[in-house]
Amino acid sequence: MDIHFLMCISFSFQIGSEIVGLVPLKPVLEAAEYFIKKENLFILEEEQKVQLAVSRLGLNTLSPFDYKTRIIEYAVANSAATSPLLNLTVKNFVGEVAARKPAPGGGSVAALVGSMGAALCRMVGLLTYGNKKFEHLETEIRRLVPVFHDAMENLLPLVDADTKAFNSIIEAHRLPSATPDEKIAKETAIQTATLTAIQVPMATAKAANSAWAALLELSAIANITAISDLQVGAKSLETAVQGAVWNVQINLSGLRDEEQRAKFRVEAEEELRLCQEKFAAVNKAIEKRKEDSSP
């Protein structure tokens, strides 16, 4: 099934359309992008795009179309077992972090803090967008907001990924090592798990750092009434990068490959340097905005 098939269905939605079985996500999103462009809409959330496609294609006309069970990717992934931490309430997540166990720990918290930081930046952008006072900035805002949306979405799955990576190290260390073959298998599993435990927080640092250029631009034009929210967002992104780098560094000691270890150390230091430099620039711009707007 592809977008062309779905678009053919859309021409018959006046009298009703129905798809039997499961639908892949890709053509649904492609159909949504078609309608977004055609109607000059500004939609970022994947589920809102899906709902738009379902509506425009008339998939609800003849019978209810529950996209959470009818779209393949959602049917497979829509389970608490897939993302146990992200599916917790805020209170329960905090409880998990506070519990007497090593995970979820700093890596998962860093990813979540970064995602919330990007979400705050996105919020400030949207509070500027659609405001008559800032109408002349619409093009810029429509370009900047998706950057924060993508950073937010990219950081969220790393919350669970970091805890899973740590748990994999623990499980690898529990493997038997009574025979030479078992020792080799155990060491291989430990090194594989350690590598993942380095790569995940590195991905957190990179995802958080991806927002700085857009954030610096937004700092200069954002609705001043929400500028403190933008500042909290910036600090949250900085915290996410610092926390992620600390997690990379502490896991490097478990990596036996010296060349890889040196490469990751340099890479982590560069991500931290970039973050510190960009945060300082953003914070300076925000402080100037606050100073200029004070009575």
C-alpha atoms as a PDB file:
ATOM      1  CA  MET A   1       0.000   0.000   0.000  1.00  0.00           C
ATOM      2  CA  ASP A   2       1.368   3.446  -0.872  1.00  0.00           C
ATOM      3  CA  ILE A   3       0.309   7.083  -0.881  1.00  0.00           C
ATOM      4  CA  HIS A   4      -1.121   6.817  -4.405  1.00  0.00           C
ATOM      5  CA  PHE A   5      -3.572   4.159  -3.250  1.00  0.00           C
ATOM      6  CA  LEU A   6      -4.573   6.241  -0.248  1.00  0.00           C
ATOM      7  CA  MET A   7      -5.019   9.343  -2.387  1.00  0.00           C
ATOM      8  CA  CYS A   8      -7.304   7.385  -4.721  1.00  0.00           C
ATOM      9  CA  ILE A   9      -9.389   6.569  -1.677  1.00  0.00           C
ATOM     10  CA  SER A  10      -9.535  10.248  -0.781  1.00  0.00           C
ATOM     11  CA  PHE A  11     -11.428  11.040  -3.989  1.00  0.00           C
ATOM     12  CA  SER A  12     -14.244   8.767  -2.879  1.00  0.00           C
ATOM     13  CA  PHE A  13     -14.491   9.923   0.732  1.00  0.00           C
ATOM     14  CA  GLN A  14     -17.705  11.842   0.016  1.00  0.00           C
ATOM     15  CA  ILE A  15     -19.566   8.536  -0.189  1.00  0.00           C
ATOM     16  CA  GLY A  16     -17.341   6.794   2.317  1.00  0.00           C
ATOM     17  CA  SER A  17     -14.087   4.843   2.261  1.00  0.00           C
ATOM     18  CA  GLU A  18     -12.921   1.854   4.204  1.00  0.00           C
ATOM     19  CA  ILE A  19      -9.612   0.016   4.425  1.00  0.00           C
ATOM     20  CA  VAL A  20      -9.673  -3.586   5.560  1.00  0.00           C
ATOM     21  CA  GLY A  21      -6.809  -4.773   7.739  1.00  0.00           C
ATOM     22  CA  LEU A  22      -3.730  -2.906   8.899  1.00  0.00           C
ATOM     23  CA  VAL A  23      -2.184   0.161   7.252  1.00  0.00           C
ATOM     24  CA  PRO A  24       1.529   1.098   7.213  1.00  0.00           C
ATOM     25  CA  LEU A  25       2.308   4.480   8.749  1.00  0.00           C
ATOM     26  CA  LYS A  26       4.451   5.889   5.925  1.00  0.00           C
ATOM     27  CA  PRO A  27       1.726   6.409   3.276  1.00  0.00           C
ATOM     28  CA  VAL A  28      -0.626   7.853   5.905  1.00  0.00           C
ATOM     29  CA  LEU A  29       1.980  10.465   6.840  1.00  0.00           C
ATOM     30  CA  GLU A  30       2.688  11.162   3.177  1.00  0.00           C
ATOM     31  CA  ALA A  31      -1.023  11.765   2.630  1.00  0.00           C
ATOM     32  CA  ALA A  32      -1.029  14.094   5.635  1.00  0.00           C
ATOM     33  CA  GLU A  33       1.909  16.067   4.222  1.00  0.00           C
ATOM     34  CA  TYR A  34      -0.018  16.438   0.960  1.00  0.00           C
ATOM     35  CA  PHE A  35      -2.999  17.998   2.752  1.00  0.00           C
ATOM     36  CA  ILE A  36      -0.769  20.114   4.995  1.00  0.00           C
ATOM     37  CA  LYS A  37       0.890  21.626   1.951  1.00  0.00           C
ATOM     38  CA  LYS A  38      -2.349  21.972   0.025  1.00  0.00           C
ATOM     39  CA  GLU A  39      -4.143  23.735   2.877  1.00  0.00           C
ATOM     40  CA  ASN A  40      -1.070  25.625   4.174  1.00  0.00           C
ATOM     41  CA  LEU A  41      -1.392  24.061   7.635  1.00  0.00           C
ATOM     42  CA  PHE A  42       1.215  24.084  10.408  1.00  0.00           C
ATOM     43  CA  ILE A  43       1.135  20.656  12.034  1.00  0.00           C
ATOM     44  CA  LEU A  44       4.130  19.010  13.715  1.00  0.00           C
ATOM     45  CA  GLU A  45       2.788  16.170  15.883  1.00  0.00           C
ATOM     46  CA  GLU A  46       2.736  12.808  14.164  1.00  0.00           C
ATOM     47  CA  GLU A  47      -0.599  11.794  15.671  1.00  0.00           C
ATOM     48  CA  GLN A  48      -2.217  15.050  14.549  1.00  0.00           C
ATOM     49  CA  LYS A  49      -0.911  14.370  11.043  1.00  0.00           C
ATOM     50  CA  VAL A  50      -2.429  10.882  11.179  1.00  0.00           C
ATOM     51  CA  GLN A  51      -5.755  12.292  12.375  1.00  0.00           C
ATOM     52  CA  LEU A  52      -5.697  14.819   9.522  1.00  0.00           C
ATOM     53  CA  ALA A  53      -5.096  12.066   6.956  1.00  0.00           C
ATOM     54  CA  VAL A  54      -7.843   9.886   8.439  1.00  0.00           C
ATOM     55  CA  SER A  55     -10.245  12.832   8.290  1.00  0.00           C
ATOM     56  CA  ARG A  56      -9.349  14.011   4.787  1.00  0.00           C
ATOM     57  CA  LEU A  57      -9.308  10.484   3.376  1.00  0.00           C
ATOM     58  CA  GLY A  58     -12.728   9.787   4.886  1.00  0.00           C
ATOM     59  CA  LEU A  59     -11.563   6.632   6.611  1.00  0.00           C
ATOM     60  CA  ASN A  60     -14.061   7.175   9.439  1.00  0.00           C
ATOM     61  CA  THR A  61     -17.040   7.569   7.141  1.00  0.00           C
ATOM     62  CA  LEU A  62     -18.279   3.987   6.891  1.00  0.00           C
ATOM     63  CA  SER A  63     -16.912   2.666  10.181  1.00  0.00           C
ATOM     64  CA  PRO A  64     -14.671   3.908  12.989  1.00  0.00           C
ATOM     65  CA  PHE A  65     -10.965   3.898  12.092  1.00  0.00           C
ATOM     66  CA  ASP A  66      -8.903   3.606  15.285  1.00  0.00           C
ATOM     67  CA  TYR A  67      -5.431   4.512  14.050  1.00  0.00           C
ATOM     68  CA  LYS A  68      -3.832   3.211  17.270  1.00  0.00           C
ATOM     69  CA  THR A  69      -4.895  -0.322  16.368  1.00  0.00           C
ATOM     70  CA  ARG A  70      -5.178  -0.058  12.571  1.00  0.00           C
ATOM     71  CA  ILE A  71      -1.757   1.413  11.745  1.00  0.00           C
ATOM     72  CA  ILE A  72       0.914  -1.284  11.873  1.00  0.00           C
ATOM     73  CA  GLU A  73       3.609   0.678  13.715  1.00  0.00           C
ATOM     74  CA  TYR A  74       1.159   1.882  16.369  1.00  0.00           C
ATOM     75  CA  ALA A  75      -0.384  -1.558  16.816  1.00  0.00           C
ATOM     76  CA  VAL A  76       3.072  -3.034  17.461  1.00  0.00           C
ATOM     77  CA  ALA A  77       4.506  -0.200  19.569  1.00  0.00           C
ATOM     78  CA  ASN A  78       1.431   0.901  21.513  1.00  0.00           C
ATOM     79  CA  SER A  79       2.352  -1.045  24.606  1.00  0.00           C
ATOM     80  CA  ALA A  80       3.652  -0.069  28.035  1.00  0.00           C
ATOM     81  CA  ALA A  81       6.244  -2.816  27.626  1.00  0.00           C
ATOM     82  CA  THR A  82       7.832  -0.943  24.709  1.00  0.00           C
ATOM     83  CA  SER A  83       8.559   2.250  26.659  1.00  0.00           C
ATOM     84  CA  PRO A  84       7.946   1.450  30.336  1.00  0.00           C
ATOM     85  CA  LEU A  85       9.393   4.710  31.675  1.00  0.00           C
ATOM     86  CA  LEU A  86       7.716   7.041  29.191  1.00  0.00           C
ATOM     87  CA  ASN A  87       4.371   5.436  29.942  1.00  0.00           C
ATOM     88  CA  LEU A  88       4.630   6.214  33.659  1.00  0.00           C
ATOM     89  CA  THR A  89       2.944   9.191  35.258  1.00  0.00           C
ATOM     90  CA  VAL A  90       5.313  12.004  36.259  1.00  0.00           C
ATOM     91  CA  LYS A  91       4.878  11.058  39.913  1.00  0.00           C
ATOM     92  CA  ASN A  92       5.651   7.388  39.269  1.00  0.00           C
ATOM     93  CA  PHE A  93       8.663   8.233  37.111  1.00  0.00           C
ATOM     94  CA  VAL A  94      10.094  10.374  39.904  1.00  0.00           C
ATOM     95  CA  GLY A  95       9.426   7.482  42.260  1.00  0.00           C
ATOM     96  CA  GLU A  96      11.349   5.124  39.977  1.00  0.00           C
ATOM     97  CA  VAL A  97      14.315   7.490  39.920  1.00  0.00           C
ATOM     98  CA  ALA A  98      14.203   7.840  43.710  1.00  0.00           C
ATOM     99  CA  ALA A  99      14.038   4.081  44.313  1.00  0.00           C
ATOM    100  CA  ARG A 100      16.967   2.129  45.766  1.00  0.00           C
ATOM    101  CA  LYS A 101      18.237   0.835  42.426  1.00  0.00           C
ATOM    102  CA  PRO A 102      20.770   2.183  39.911  1.00  0.00           C
ATOM    103  CA  ALA A 103      18.377   2.665  36.985  1.00  0.00           C
ATOM    104  CA  PRO A 104      16.690   4.769  35.796  1.00  0.00           C
ATOM    105  CA  GLY A 105      19.535   7.097  36.629  1.00  0.00           C
ATOM    106  CA  GLY A 106      21.318  10.175  35.356  1.00  0.00           C
ATOM    107  CA  GLY A 107      21.289   9.157  31.700  1.00  0.00           C
ATOM    108  CA  SER A 108      17.524   8.705  31.537  1.00  0.00           C
ATOM    109  CA  VAL A 109      16.961  11.874  33.547  1.00  0.00           C
ATOM    110  CA  ALA A 110      19.286  13.820  31.225  1.00  0.00           C
ATOM    111  CA  ALA A 111      17.319  12.664  28.190  1.00  0.00           C
ATOM    112  CA  LEU A 112      14.004  13.593  29.796  1.00  0.00           C
ATOM    113  CA  VAL A 113      15.265  16.998  30.958  1.00  0.00           C
ATOM    114  CA  GLY A 114      16.550  17.667  27.446  1.00  0.00           C
ATOM    115  CA  SER A 115      13.242  16.686  25.902  1.00  0.00           C
ATOM    116  CA  MET A 116      11.383  19.011  28.251  1.00  0.00           C
ATOM    117  CA  GLY A 117      13.865  21.772  27.456  1.00  0.00           C
ATOM    118  CA  ALA A 118      13.201  21.367  23.746  1.00  0.00           C
ATOM    119  CA  ALA A 119       9.469  21.262  24.491  1.00  0.00           C
ATOM    120  CA  LEU A 120       9.691  24.605  26.305  1.00  0.00           C
ATOM    121  CA  CYS A 121      11.509  26.145  23.341  1.00  0.00           C
ATOM    122  CA  ARG A 122       8.822  24.776  21.025  1.00  0.00           C
ATOM    123  CA  MET A 123       6.120  26.191  23.297  1.00  0.00           C
ATOM    124  CA  VAL A 124       7.676  29.665  23.229  1.00  0.00           C
ATOM    125  CA  GLY A 125       7.894  29.503  19.462  1.00  0.00           C
ATOM    126  CA  LEU A 126       4.232  28.576  19.195  1.00  0.00           C
ATOM    127  CA  LEU A 127       3.260  31.357  21.616  1.00  0.00           C
ATOM    128  CA  THR A 128       4.968  33.755  19.222  1.00  0.00           C
ATOM    129  CA  TYR A 129       3.370  32.175  16.155  1.00  0.00           C
ATOM    130  CA  GLY A 130      -0.188  33.237  15.328  1.00  0.00           C
ATOM    131  CA  ASN A 131       0.160  36.401  17.404  1.00  0.00           C
ATOM    132  CA  LYS A 132      -0.825  39.449  15.358  1.00  0.00           C
ATOM    133  CA  LYS A 133       1.959  41.439  16.992  1.00  0.00           C
ATOM    134  CA  PHE A 134       4.502  38.971  15.588  1.00  0.00           C
ATOM    135  CA  GLU A 135       2.778  38.324  12.260  1.00  0.00           C
ATOM    136  CA  HIS A 136       5.864  39.511  10.361  1.00  0.00           C
ATOM    137  CA  LEU A 137       7.863  36.679  11.981  1.00  0.00           C
ATOM    138  CA  GLU A 138       5.596  33.837  10.826  1.00  0.00           C
ATOM    139  CA  THR A 139       8.054  32.500   8.243  1.00  0.00           C
ATOM    140  CA  GLU A 140      10.900  32.398  10.752  1.00  0.00           C
ATOM    141  CA  ILE A 141       8.800  30.747  13.449  1.00  0.00           C
ATOM    142  CA  ARG A 142       7.529  28.086  11.053  1.00  0.00           C
ATOM    143  CA  ARG A 143      11.164  27.306  10.249  1.00  0.00           C
ATOM    144  CA  LEU A 144      12.425  27.285  13.844  1.00  0.00           C
ATOM    145  CA  VAL A 145       9.692  25.425  15.733  1.00  0.00           C
ATOM    146  CA  PRO A 146      10.185  22.097  13.881  1.00  0.00           C
ATOM    147  CA  VAL A 147      13.815  22.045  15.064  1.00  0.00           C
ATOM    148  CA  PHE A 148      12.672  21.995  18.703  1.00  0.00           C
ATOM    149  CA  HIS A 149       9.935  19.494  17.893  1.00  0.00           C
ATOM    150  CA  ASP A 150      12.458  17.106  16.335  1.00  0.00           C
ATOM    151  CA  ALA A 151      14.881  17.485  19.260  1.00  0.00           C
ATOM    152  CA  MET A 152      12.051  16.774  21.692  1.00  0.00           C
ATOM    153  CA  GLU A 153      10.927  13.677  19.788  1.00  0.00           C
ATOM    154  CA  ASN A 154      14.481  12.386  19.343  1.00  0.00           C
ATOM    155  CA  LEU A 155      15.275  12.713  23.041  1.00  0.00           C
ATOM    156  CA  LEU A 156      12.156  10.998  24.387  1.00  0.00           C
ATOM    157  CA  PRO A 157      13.006   7.405  23.353  1.00  0.00           C
ATOM    158  CA  LEU A 158      16.476   7.823  24.858  1.00  0.00           C
ATOM    159  CA  VAL A 159      14.880   7.942  28.320  1.00  0.00           C
ATOM    160  CA  ASP A 160      14.085   4.226  28.103  1.00  0.00           C
ATOM    161  CA  ALA A 161      17.069   3.426  25.904  1.00  0.00           C
ATOM    162  CA  ASP A 162      19.518   4.611  28.549  1.00  0.00           C
ATOM    163  CA  THR A 163      17.987   2.464  31.290  1.00  0.00           C
ATOM    164  CA  LYS A 164      17.859  -0.535  28.943  1.00  0.00           C
ATOM    165  CA  ALA A 165      21.536  -0.014  28.077  1.00  0.00           C
ATOM    166  CA  PHE A 166      22.544   0.036  31.742  1.00  0.00           C
ATOM    167  CA  ASN A 167      20.458  -3.047  32.503  1.00  0.00           C
ATOM    168  CA  SER A 168      22.164  -4.856  29.626  1.00  0.00           C
ATOM    169  CA  ILE A 169      25.547  -4.303  31.272  1.00  0.00           C
ATOM    170  CA  ILE A 170      24.248  -5.748  34.524  1.00  0.00           C
ATOM    171  CA  GLU A 171      22.797  -8.765  32.704  1.00  0.00           C
ATOM    172  CA  ALA A 172      26.051  -9.310  30.806  1.00  0.00           C
ATOM    173  CA  HIS A 173      28.058  -9.349  34.043  1.00  0.00           C
ATOM    174  CA  ARG A 174      25.718 -12.048  35.390  1.00  0.00           C
ATOM    175  CA  LEU A 175      26.459 -14.445  32.540  1.00  0.00           C
ATOM    176  CA  PRO A 176      28.264 -17.678  33.475  1.00  0.00           C
ATOM    177  CA  SER A 177      32.039 -17.852  32.990  1.00  0.00           C
ATOM    178  CA  ALA A 178      32.909 -21.365  34.051  1.00  0.00           C
ATOM    179  CA  THR A 179      34.407 -22.431  30.707  1.00  0.00           C
ATOM    180  CA  PRO A 180      36.702 -20.642  28.233  1.00  0.00           C
ATOM    181  CA  ASP A 181      33.834 -20.312  25.737  1.00  0.00           C
ATOM    182  CA  GLU A 182      31.561 -18.865  28.397  1.00  0.00           C
ATOM    183  CA  LYS A 183      34.234 -16.379  29.390  1.00  0.00           C
ATOM    184  CA  ILE A 184      34.589 -15.219  25.796  1.00  0.00           C
ATOM    185  CA  ALA A 185      30.823 -14.952  25.355  1.00  0.00           C
ATOM    186  CA  LYS A 186      30.522 -13.032  28.619  1.00  0.00           C
ATOM    187  CA  GLU A 187      33.282 -10.552  27.753  1.00  0.00           C
ATOM    188  CA  THR A 188      31.798 -10.012  24.287  1.00  0.00           C
ATOM    189  CA  ALA A 189      28.373  -9.330  25.823  1.00  0.00           C
ATOM    190  CA  ILE A 190      29.894  -6.900  28.343  1.00  0.00           C
ATOM    191  CA  GLN A 191      31.757  -4.978  25.652  1.00  0.00           C
ATOM    192  CA  THR A 192      28.679  -4.818  23.400  1.00  0.00           C
ATOM    193  CA  ALA A 193      26.519  -3.580  26.258  1.00  0.00           C
ATOM    194  CA  THR A 194      29.164  -1.047  27.341  1.00  0.00           C
ATOM    195  CA  LEU A 195      29.398   0.324  23.818  1.00  0.00           C
ATOM    196  CA  THR A 196      25.629   0.819  23.746  1.00  0.00           C
ATOM    197  CA  ALA A 197      25.755   2.471  27.170  1.00  0.00           C
ATOM    198  CA  ILE A 198      28.192   4.996  25.682  1.00  0.00           C
ATOM    199  CA  GLN A 199      26.372   5.516  22.399  1.00  0.00           C
ATOM    200  CA  VAL A 200      22.980   6.244  24.001  1.00  0.00           C
ATOM    201  CA  PRO A 201      24.058   9.215  26.151  1.00  0.00           C
ATOM    202  CA  MET A 202      26.193  10.436  23.254  1.00  0.00           C
ATOM    203  CA  ALA A 203      23.010  10.473  21.184  1.00  0.00           C
ATOM    204  CA  THR A 204      21.349  12.438  23.996  1.00  0.00           C
ATOM    205  CA  ALA A 205      24.100  15.060  23.896  1.00  0.00           C
ATOM    206  CA  LYS A 206      23.891  15.370  20.111  1.00  0.00           C
ATOM    207  CA  ALA A 207      20.097  15.586  20.070  1.00  0.00           C
ATOM    208  CA  ALA A 208      20.088  18.324  22.718  1.00  0.00           C
ATOM    209  CA  ASN A 209      22.865  20.207  20.934  1.00  0.00           C
ATOM    210  CA  SER A 210      20.895  20.171  17.680  1.00  0.00           C
ATOM    211  CA  ALA A 211      18.614  22.936  19.003  1.00  0.00           C
ATOM    212  CA  TRP A 212      21.141  25.686  19.729  1.00  0.00           C
ATOM    213  CA  ALA A 213      21.230  27.469  16.361  1.00  0.00           C
ATOM    214  CA  ALA A 214      17.441  27.720  16.243  1.00  0.00           C
ATOM    215  CA  LEU A 215      17.330  28.677  19.926  1.00  0.00           C
ATOM    216  CA  LEU A 216      19.734  31.564  19.405  1.00  0.00           C
ATOM    217  CA  GLU A 217      17.534  32.875  16.588  1.00  0.00           C
ATOM    218  CA  LEU A 218      14.380  32.476  18.648  1.00  0.00           C
ATOM    219  CA  SER A 219      15.987  34.277  21.594  1.00  0.00           C
ATOM    220  CA  ALA A 220      16.144  37.433  19.518  1.00  0.00           C
ATOM    221  CA  ILE A 221      12.526  37.434  18.350  1.00  0.00           C
ATOM    222  CA  ALA A 222      10.452  35.384  20.821  1.00  0.00           C
ATOM    223  CA  ASN A 223       7.442  36.784  22.632  1.00  0.00           C
ATOM    224  CA  ILE A 224       9.033  38.611  25.552  1.00  0.00           C
ATOM    225  CA  THR A 225       6.288  37.509  27.935  1.00  0.00           C
ATOM    226  CA  ALA A 226       7.570  33.918  27.587  1.00  0.00           C
ATOM    227  CA  ILE A 227      11.290  34.700  27.605  1.00  0.00           C
ATOM    228  CA  SER A 228      11.852  33.149  31.057  1.00  0.00           C
ATOM    229  CA  ASP A 229      10.360  29.888  29.738  1.00  0.00           C
ATOM    230  CA  LEU A 230      12.869  30.015  26.889  1.00  0.00           C
ATOM    231  CA  GLN A 231      15.670  30.530  29.390  1.00  0.00           C
ATOM    232  CA  VAL A 232      14.553  27.492  31.392  1.00  0.00           C
ATOM    233  CA  GLY A 233      14.442  25.539  28.141  1.00  0.00           C
ATOM    234  CA  ALA A 234      18.001  26.572  27.317  1.00  0.00           C
ATOM    235  CA  LYS A 235      19.253  25.627  30.789  1.00  0.00           C
ATOM    236  CA  SER A 236      17.481  22.273  30.534  1.00  0.00           C
ATOM    237  CA  LEU A 237      19.215  21.534  27.221  1.00  0.00           C
ATOM    238  CA  GLU A 238      22.563  22.471  28.748  1.00  0.00           C
ATOM    239  CA  THR A 239      21.863  20.185  31.714  1.00  0.00           C
ATOM    240  CA  ALA A 240      20.952  17.357  29.359  1.00  0.00           C
ATOM    241  CA  VAL A 241      24.235  17.642  27.470  1.00  0.00           C
ATOM    242  CA  GLN A 242      26.330  17.901  30.624  1.00  0.00           C
ATOM    243  CA  GLY A 243      24.537  14.929  32.182  1.00  0.00           C
ATOM    244  CA  ALA A 244      24.876  12.871  29.026  1.00  0.00           C
ATOM    245  CA  VAL A 245      28.595  13.613  28.726  1.00  0.00           C
ATOM    246  CA  TRP A 246      29.161  12.598  32.339  1.00  0.00           C
ATOM    247  CA  ASN A 247      27.449   9.277  31.564  1.00  0.00           C
ATOM    248  CA  VAL A 248      29.605   8.746  28.483  1.00  0.00           C
ATOM    249  CA  GLN A 249      32.748   9.447  30.466  1.00  0.00           C
ATOM    250  CA  ILE A 250      31.947   7.107  33.348  1.00  0.00           C
ATOM    251  CA  ASN A 251      31.158   4.238  30.959  1.00  0.00           C
ATOM    252  CA  LEU A 252      34.380   4.691  28.966  1.00  0.00           C
ATOM    253  CA  SER A 253      36.342   2.905  31.678  1.00  0.00           C
ATOM    254  CA  GLY A 254      34.547  -0.325  30.806  1.00  0.00           C
ATOM    255  CA  LEU A 255      35.481  -0.191  27.119  1.00  0.00           C
ATOM    256  CA  ARG A 256      38.591  -2.232  26.337  1.00  0.00           C
ATOM    257  CA  ASP A 257      39.178  -0.898  22.825  1.00  0.00           C
ATOM    258  CA  GLU A 258      41.607   1.986  23.468  1.00  0.00           C
ATOM    259  CA  GLU A 259      41.074   3.549  20.040  1.00  0.00           C
ATOM    260  CA  GLN A 260      37.307   3.620  20.494  1.00  0.00           C
ATOM    261  CA  ARG A 261      37.711   4.909  24.031  1.00  0.00           C
ATOM    262  CA  ALA A 262      39.872   7.821  22.860  1.00  0.00           C
ATOM    263  CA  LYS A 263      37.472   8.606  20.017  1.00  0.00           C
ATOM    264  CA  PHE A 264      34.441   8.767  22.297  1.00  0.00           C
ATOM    265  CA  ARG A 265      36.314  10.842  24.872  1.00  0.00           C
ATOM    266  CA  VAL A 266      37.192  13.485  22.268  1.00  0.00           C
ATOM    267  CA  GLU A 267      33.680  13.389  20.847  1.00  0.00           C
ATOM    268  CA  ALA A 268      32.115  13.877  24.287  1.00  0.00           C
ATOM    269  CA  GLU A 269      34.425  16.774  25.101  1.00  0.00           C
ATOM    270  CA  GLU A 270      33.512  18.426  21.804  1.00  0.00           C
ATOM    271  CA  GLU A 271      29.786  18.079  22.483  1.00  0.00           C
ATOM    272  CA  LEU A 272      30.258  19.636  25.915  1.00  0.00           C
ATOM    273  CA  ARG A 273      32.393  22.485  24.535  1.00  0.00           C
ATOM    274  CA  LEU A 274      29.783  23.208  21.871  1.00  0.00           C
ATOM    275  CA  CYS A 275      26.996  23.180  24.451  1.00  0.00           C
ATOM    276  CA  GLN A 276      28.766  25.537  26.830  1.00  0.00           C
ATOM    277  CA  GLU A 277      29.601  27.959  24.046  1.00  0.00           C
ATOM    278  CA  LYS A 278      26.077  27.985  22.594  1.00  0.00           C
ATOM    279  CA  PHE A 279      24.336  28.177  25.955  1.00  0.00           C
ATOM    280  CA  ALA A 280      26.443  31.203  26.908  1.00  0.00           C
ATOM    281  CA  ALA A 281      25.458  32.942  23.658  1.00  0.00           C
ATOM    282  CA  VAL A 282      21.768  32.125  24.090  1.00  0.00           C
ATOM    283  CA  ASN A 283      21.710  33.166  27.727  1.00  0.00           C
ATOM    284  CA  LYS A 284      23.456  36.439  26.882  1.00  0.00           C
ATOM    285  CA  ALA A 285      20.863  37.163  24.179  1.00  0.00           C
ATOM    286  CA  ILE A 286      17.987  36.383  26.551  1.00  0.00           C
ATOM    287  CA  GLU A 287      19.419  38.530  29.335  1.00  0.00           C
ATOM    288  CA  LYS A 288      19.742  41.414  26.866  1.00  0.00           C
ATOM    289  CA  ARG A 289      16.111  41.002  25.820  1.00  0.00           C
ATOM    290  CA  LYS A 290      15.059  41.077  29.464  1.00  0.00           C
ATOM    291  CA  GLU A 291      17.173  44.147  30.151  1.00  0.00           C
ATOM    292  CA  ASP A 292      15.859  45.996  27.075  1.00  0.00           C
ATOM    293  CA  SER A 293      12.242  45.256  28.014  1.00  0.00           C
ATOM    294  CA  SER A 294      12.497  46.262  31.668  1.00  0.00           C
ATOM    295  CA  PRO A 295      10.903  49.626  32.616  1.00  0.00           C
END
